[in-house]
Amino acid sequence: MSGPRQVQWWLATLGRNIVWARLRVLEAGTAEVFDSDGNTLPYDSEDTARAALLDAEFVEFDGLDEEDALARGFSLAEIAPPQAGSDEALRALMFVNLGKAT
């Protein structure tokens, strides 16, 4: 199995919570989304995976500017995509509570 050709981070907000999703585009042109439940969902293409994320009200992290972030209830300075050595460890970091708004 070949590694990912591209990795994109997506997020959705639920109140003061951020739900992350990792989209990986594979060498074969297929894609997979690792979700906050620890599931890896396969897709036949990057476009299909992106459409599924958009339908679930996710936005691409790299496409956000500060104004977009503030409209969703956080500052870009507050967050960064989760990092972990394994998908098992990553799962615990995919749902983030930002605490009470100030």
N, C-alpha and C. Protein backbone atom coordinates (compact mmCIF):
# COMPACT_ATOMS: atom_id res chain seq x y z
N MET A 1 0.85 -1.18 0.00
CA MET A 1 0.00 0.00 0.00
C MET A 1 0.89 1.24 0.00
N SER A 2 0.62 2.15 -0.91
CA SER A 2 1.42 3.37 -0.97
C SER A 2 0.89 4.41 0.01
N GLY A 3 1.74 5.34 0.37
CA GLY A 3 1.37 6.37 1.33
C GLY A 3 0.54 7.46 0.69
N PRO A 4 0.12 8.41 1.50
CA PRO A 4 -0.70 9.50 0.97
C PRO A 4 0.11 10.44 0.08
N ARG A 5 -0.53 10.90 -0.96
CA ARG A 5 0.06 11.90 -1.85
C ARG A 5 -0.16 13.30 -1.29
N GLN A 6 -1.27 13.45 -0.57
CA GLN A 6 -1.63 14.75 -0.02
C GLN A 6 -2.46 14.54 1.25
N VAL A 7 -2.25 15.40 2.25
CA VAL A 7 -3.04 15.35 3.48
C VAL A 7 -3.67 16.73 3.68
N GLN A 8 -4.96 16.73 3.92
CA GLN A 8 -5.70 17.97 4.18
C GLN A 8 -6.45 17.82 5.49
N TRP A 9 -6.47 18.90 6.26
CA TRP A 9 -7.24 18.91 7.50
C TRP A 9 -8.50 19.72 7.31
N TRP A 10 -9.59 19.18 7.80
CA TRP A 10 -10.90 19.81 7.72
C TRP A 10 -11.46 19.91 9.14
N LEU A 11 -12.35 20.88 9.35
CA LEU A 11 -12.96 21.01 10.68
C LEU A 11 -14.40 21.43 10.56
N ALA A 12 -15.13 21.09 11.59
CA ALA A 12 -16.50 21.54 11.78
C ALA A 12 -16.59 22.07 13.20
N THR A 13 -17.51 22.98 13.41
CA THR A 13 -17.69 23.52 14.76
C THR A 13 -19.07 23.17 15.26
N LEU A 14 -19.09 22.92 16.55
CA LEU A 14 -20.33 22.61 17.25
C LEU A 14 -20.25 23.36 18.57
N GLY A 15 -20.85 24.54 18.60
CA GLY A 15 -20.67 25.42 19.76
C GLY A 15 -19.21 25.80 19.89
N ARG A 16 -18.62 25.57 21.07
CA ARG A 16 -17.20 25.86 21.29
C ARG A 16 -16.34 24.60 21.12
N ASN A 17 -16.84 23.68 20.33
CA ASN A 17 -16.11 22.44 20.05
C ASN A 17 -15.68 22.42 18.59
N ILE A 18 -14.51 21.88 18.36
CA ILE A 18 -14.02 21.67 17.00
C ILE A 18 -13.91 20.18 16.76
N VAL A 19 -14.45 19.75 15.64
CA VAL A 19 -14.37 18.36 15.23
C VAL A 19 -13.46 18.33 14.00
N TRP A 20 -12.36 17.60 14.10
CA TRP A 20 -11.40 17.50 13.01
C TRP A 20 -11.69 16.29 12.13
N ALA A 21 -11.28 16.38 10.87
CA ALA A 21 -11.28 15.25 9.95
C ALA A 21 -10.01 15.37 9.10
N ARG A 22 -9.38 14.23 8.85
CA ARG A 22 -8.17 14.23 8.01
C ARG A 22 -8.50 13.56 6.68
N LEU A 23 -8.29 14.29 5.61
CA LEU A 23 -8.50 13.77 4.26
C LEU A 23 -7.14 13.45 3.67
N ARG A 24 -6.97 12.21 3.28
CA ARG A 24 -5.73 11.81 2.61
C ARG A 24 -6.06 11.39 1.19
N VAL A 25 -5.32 11.98 0.24
CA VAL A 25 -5.44 11.59 -1.16
C VAL A 25 -4.30 10.61 -1.41
N LEU A 26 -4.65 9.43 -1.89
CA LEU A 26 -3.67 8.36 -2.07
C LEU A 26 -3.11 8.37 -3.49
N GLU A 27 -1.98 7.71 -3.65
CA GLU A 27 -1.30 7.66 -4.95
C GLU A 27 -2.21 7.18 -6.07
N ALA A 28 -3.11 6.25 -5.76
CA ALA A 28 -4.00 5.69 -6.78
C ALA A 28 -5.10 6.66 -7.20
N GLY A 29 -5.18 7.83 -6.52
CA GLY A 29 -6.23 8.79 -6.84
C GLY A 29 -7.46 8.64 -5.98
N THR A 30 -7.49 7.58 -5.16
CA THR A 30 -8.58 7.41 -4.22
C THR A 30 -8.30 8.27 -2.99
N ALA A 31 -9.26 8.33 -2.09
CA ALA A 31 -9.09 9.15 -0.90
C ALA A 31 -9.68 8.44 0.30
N GLU A 32 -9.25 8.88 1.49
CA GLU A 32 -9.82 8.36 2.73
C GLU A 32 -9.91 9.49 3.73
N VAL A 33 -10.97 9.42 4.53
CA VAL A 33 -11.19 10.41 5.58
C VAL A 33 -11.14 9.68 6.91
N PHE A 34 -10.27 10.17 7.80
CA PHE A 34 -10.20 9.68 9.17
C PHE A 34 -11.07 10.63 9.99
N ASP A 35 -12.10 10.11 10.64
CA ASP A 35 -13.03 10.98 11.35
C ASP A 35 -12.83 10.95 12.86
N SER A 36 -13.59 11.76 13.55
CA SER A 36 -13.42 11.91 15.00
C SER A 36 -13.86 10.67 15.78
N ASP A 37 -14.54 9.74 15.12
CA ASP A 37 -14.91 8.47 15.77
C ASP A 37 -13.83 7.42 15.59
N GLY A 38 -12.76 7.77 14.89
CA GLY A 38 -11.69 6.82 14.65
C GLY A 38 -11.90 5.94 13.44
N ASN A 39 -12.89 6.27 12.63
CA ASN A 39 -13.17 5.51 11.41
C ASN A 39 -12.36 6.06 10.24
N THR A 40 -11.92 5.18 9.36
CA THR A 40 -11.29 5.58 8.11
C THR A 40 -12.27 5.23 7.00
N LEU A 41 -12.81 6.27 6.37
CA LEU A 41 -13.84 6.10 5.36
C LEU A 41 -13.23 6.22 3.97
N PRO A 42 -13.37 5.18 3.12
CA PRO A 42 -12.77 5.22 1.79
C PRO A 42 -13.68 5.93 0.78
N TYR A 43 -13.07 6.62 -0.16
CA TYR A 43 -13.78 7.30 -1.25
C TYR A 43 -13.07 7.01 -2.55
N ASP A 44 -13.83 7.05 -3.64
CA ASP A 44 -13.26 6.73 -4.94
C ASP A 44 -12.39 7.85 -5.51
N SER A 45 -12.53 9.07 -4.96
CA SER A 45 -11.73 10.20 -5.44
C SER A 45 -11.67 11.30 -4.38
N GLU A 46 -10.75 12.22 -4.57
CA GLU A 46 -10.66 13.38 -3.68
C GLU A 46 -11.94 14.20 -3.74
N ASP A 47 -12.49 14.37 -4.94
CA ASP A 47 -13.71 15.17 -5.10
C ASP A 47 -14.88 14.59 -4.31
N THR A 48 -15.01 13.27 -4.34
CA THR A 48 -16.09 12.61 -3.60
C THR A 48 -15.90 12.80 -2.10
N ALA A 49 -14.67 12.67 -1.63
CA ALA A 49 -14.39 12.86 -0.20
C ALA A 49 -14.65 14.30 0.22
N ARG A 50 -14.21 15.25 -0.60
CA ARG A 50 -14.44 16.67 -0.30
C ARG A 50 -15.94 16.98 -0.25
N ALA A 51 -16.69 16.43 -1.20
CA ALA A 51 -18.14 16.65 -1.23
C ALA A 51 -18.80 16.10 0.04
N ALA A 52 -18.35 14.93 0.49
CA ALA A 52 -18.91 14.35 1.72
C ALA A 52 -18.61 15.23 2.92
N LEU A 53 -17.40 15.75 2.99
CA LEU A 53 -17.04 16.64 4.10
C LEU A 53 -17.86 17.93 4.05
N LEU A 54 -17.99 18.51 2.87
CA LEU A 54 -18.79 19.73 2.73
C LEU A 54 -20.25 19.48 3.10
N ASP A 55 -20.79 18.34 2.70
CA ASP A 55 -22.17 17.99 3.05
C ASP A 55 -22.35 17.89 4.56
N ALA A 56 -21.30 17.48 5.25
CA ALA A 56 -21.34 17.36 6.72
C ALA A 56 -20.96 18.68 7.40
N GLU A 57 -20.87 19.76 6.62
CA GLU A 57 -20.58 21.11 7.13
C GLU A 57 -19.17 21.28 7.66
N PHE A 58 -18.23 20.53 7.08
CA PHE A 58 -16.82 20.73 7.37
C PHE A 58 -16.27 21.77 6.39
N VAL A 59 -15.22 22.46 6.81
CA VAL A 59 -14.49 23.39 5.94
C VAL A 59 -13.02 23.01 5.98
N GLU A 60 -12.33 23.30 4.89
CA GLU A 60 -10.90 22.99 4.84
C GLU A 60 -10.12 23.98 5.70
N PHE A 61 -9.31 23.48 6.61
CA PHE A 61 -8.56 24.33 7.53
C PHE A 61 -7.67 25.32 6.78
N ASP A 62 -6.97 24.86 5.75
CA ASP A 62 -6.07 25.74 5.01
C ASP A 62 -6.81 26.85 4.27
N GLY A 63 -8.11 26.69 4.07
CA GLY A 63 -8.89 27.71 3.38
C GLY A 63 -9.48 28.77 4.30
N LEU A 64 -9.31 28.60 5.60
CA LEU A 64 -9.87 29.55 6.56
C LEU A 64 -8.98 30.77 6.72
N ASP A 65 -9.61 31.94 6.82
CA ASP A 65 -8.87 33.12 7.26
C ASP A 65 -9.41 33.50 8.64
N GLU A 66 -8.81 34.48 9.26
CA GLU A 66 -9.18 34.84 10.63
C GLU A 66 -10.65 35.24 10.74
N GLU A 67 -11.16 35.94 9.74
CA GLU A 67 -12.57 36.36 9.76
C GLU A 67 -13.50 35.14 9.74
N ASP A 68 -13.17 34.16 8.89
CA ASP A 68 -13.96 32.92 8.84
C ASP A 68 -13.91 32.20 10.18
N ALA A 69 -12.72 32.14 10.77
CA ALA A 69 -12.56 31.46 12.05
C ALA A 69 -13.38 32.15 13.13
N LEU A 70 -13.28 33.46 13.20
CA LEU A 70 -14.03 34.21 14.22
C LEU A 70 -15.54 34.01 14.05
N ALA A 71 -16.01 33.94 12.82
CA ALA A 71 -17.43 33.69 12.57
C ALA A 71 -17.85 32.32 13.09
N ARG A 72 -16.90 31.38 13.16
CA ARG A 72 -17.18 30.04 13.67
C ARG A 72 -16.93 29.94 15.18
N GLY A 73 -16.46 31.02 15.80
CA GLY A 73 -16.34 31.05 17.25
C GLY A 73 -14.95 30.80 17.82
N PHE A 74 -13.91 30.89 16.99
CA PHE A 74 -12.55 30.71 17.48
C PHE A 74 -11.61 31.57 16.66
N SER A 75 -10.39 31.70 17.17
CA SER A 75 -9.33 32.39 16.45
C SER A 75 -8.37 31.35 15.90
N LEU A 76 -7.80 31.62 14.73
CA LEU A 76 -6.81 30.70 14.16
C LEU A 76 -5.63 30.51 15.11
N ALA A 77 -5.35 31.51 15.94
CA ALA A 77 -4.25 31.41 16.89
C ALA A 77 -4.53 30.36 17.97
N GLU A 78 -5.80 30.00 18.17
CA GLU A 78 -6.19 29.04 19.21
C GLU A 78 -6.03 27.59 18.80
N ILE A 79 -5.96 27.32 17.50
CA ILE A 79 -6.05 25.93 17.05
C ILE A 79 -4.97 25.57 16.04
N ALA A 80 -4.74 24.29 15.93
CA ALA A 80 -3.86 23.71 14.90
C ALA A 80 -4.32 22.27 14.70
N PRO A 81 -4.14 21.74 13.51
CA PRO A 81 -4.53 20.34 13.30
C PRO A 81 -3.81 19.42 14.30
N PRO A 82 -4.51 18.41 14.76
CA PRO A 82 -3.90 17.49 15.74
C PRO A 82 -2.76 16.69 15.13
N GLN A 83 -1.80 16.34 15.97
CA GLN A 83 -0.65 15.54 15.55
C GLN A 83 -0.48 14.40 16.55
N ALA A 84 -0.25 13.20 16.02
CA ALA A 84 -0.02 12.03 16.88
C ALA A 84 0.74 10.99 16.07
N GLY A 85 1.36 10.08 16.78
CA GLY A 85 2.18 9.06 16.13
C GLY A 85 1.39 7.92 15.50
N SER A 86 0.12 7.79 15.86
CA SER A 86 -0.70 6.72 15.30
C SER A 86 -2.14 7.20 15.19
N ASP A 87 -2.91 6.52 14.36
CA ASP A 87 -4.33 6.88 14.25
C ASP A 87 -5.05 6.65 15.57
N GLU A 88 -4.64 5.65 16.32
CA GLU A 88 -5.27 5.39 17.62
C GLU A 88 -5.06 6.58 18.56
N ALA A 89 -3.85 7.10 18.60
CA ALA A 89 -3.56 8.27 19.45
C ALA A 89 -4.23 9.52 18.88
N LEU A 90 -4.30 9.60 17.56
CA LEU A 90 -4.90 10.77 16.91
C LEU A 90 -6.39 10.87 17.22
N ARG A 91 -7.06 9.73 17.31
CA ARG A 91 -8.50 9.73 17.55
C ARG A 91 -8.87 10.57 18.78
N ALA A 92 -8.09 10.48 19.82
CA ALA A 92 -8.37 11.21 21.06
C ALA A 92 -8.24 12.72 20.89
N LEU A 93 -7.58 13.16 19.82
CA LEU A 93 -7.34 14.58 19.60
C LEU A 93 -8.26 15.19 18.56
N MET A 94 -9.17 14.40 18.01
CA MET A 94 -9.99 14.84 16.88
C MET A 94 -11.21 15.65 17.31
N PHE A 95 -11.52 15.69 18.58
CA PHE A 95 -12.64 16.48 19.11
C PHE A 95 -12.05 17.38 20.19
N VAL A 96 -12.14 18.69 19.98
CA VAL A 96 -11.50 19.66 20.88
C VAL A 96 -12.54 20.59 21.46
N ASN A 97 -12.57 20.68 22.78
CA ASN A 97 -13.44 21.64 23.46
C ASN A 97 -12.60 22.88 23.75
N LEU A 98 -13.04 24.02 23.24
CA LEU A 98 -12.30 25.27 23.43
C LEU A 98 -12.66 25.98 24.73
N GLY A 99 -13.56 25.42 25.49
CA GLY A 99 -13.95 26.05 26.74
C GLY A 99 -14.98 27.14 26.53
N LYS A 100 -15.26 27.88 27.57
CA LYS A 100 -16.27 28.93 27.49
C LYS A 100 -15.74 30.12 26.72
N ALA A 101 -16.64 30.76 25.97
CA ALA A 101 -16.27 31.99 25.25
C ALA A 101 -16.03 33.10 26.28
N THR A 102 -15.08 33.96 25.94
CA THR A 102 -14.79 35.06 26.87
C THR A 102 -15.46 36.32 26.45
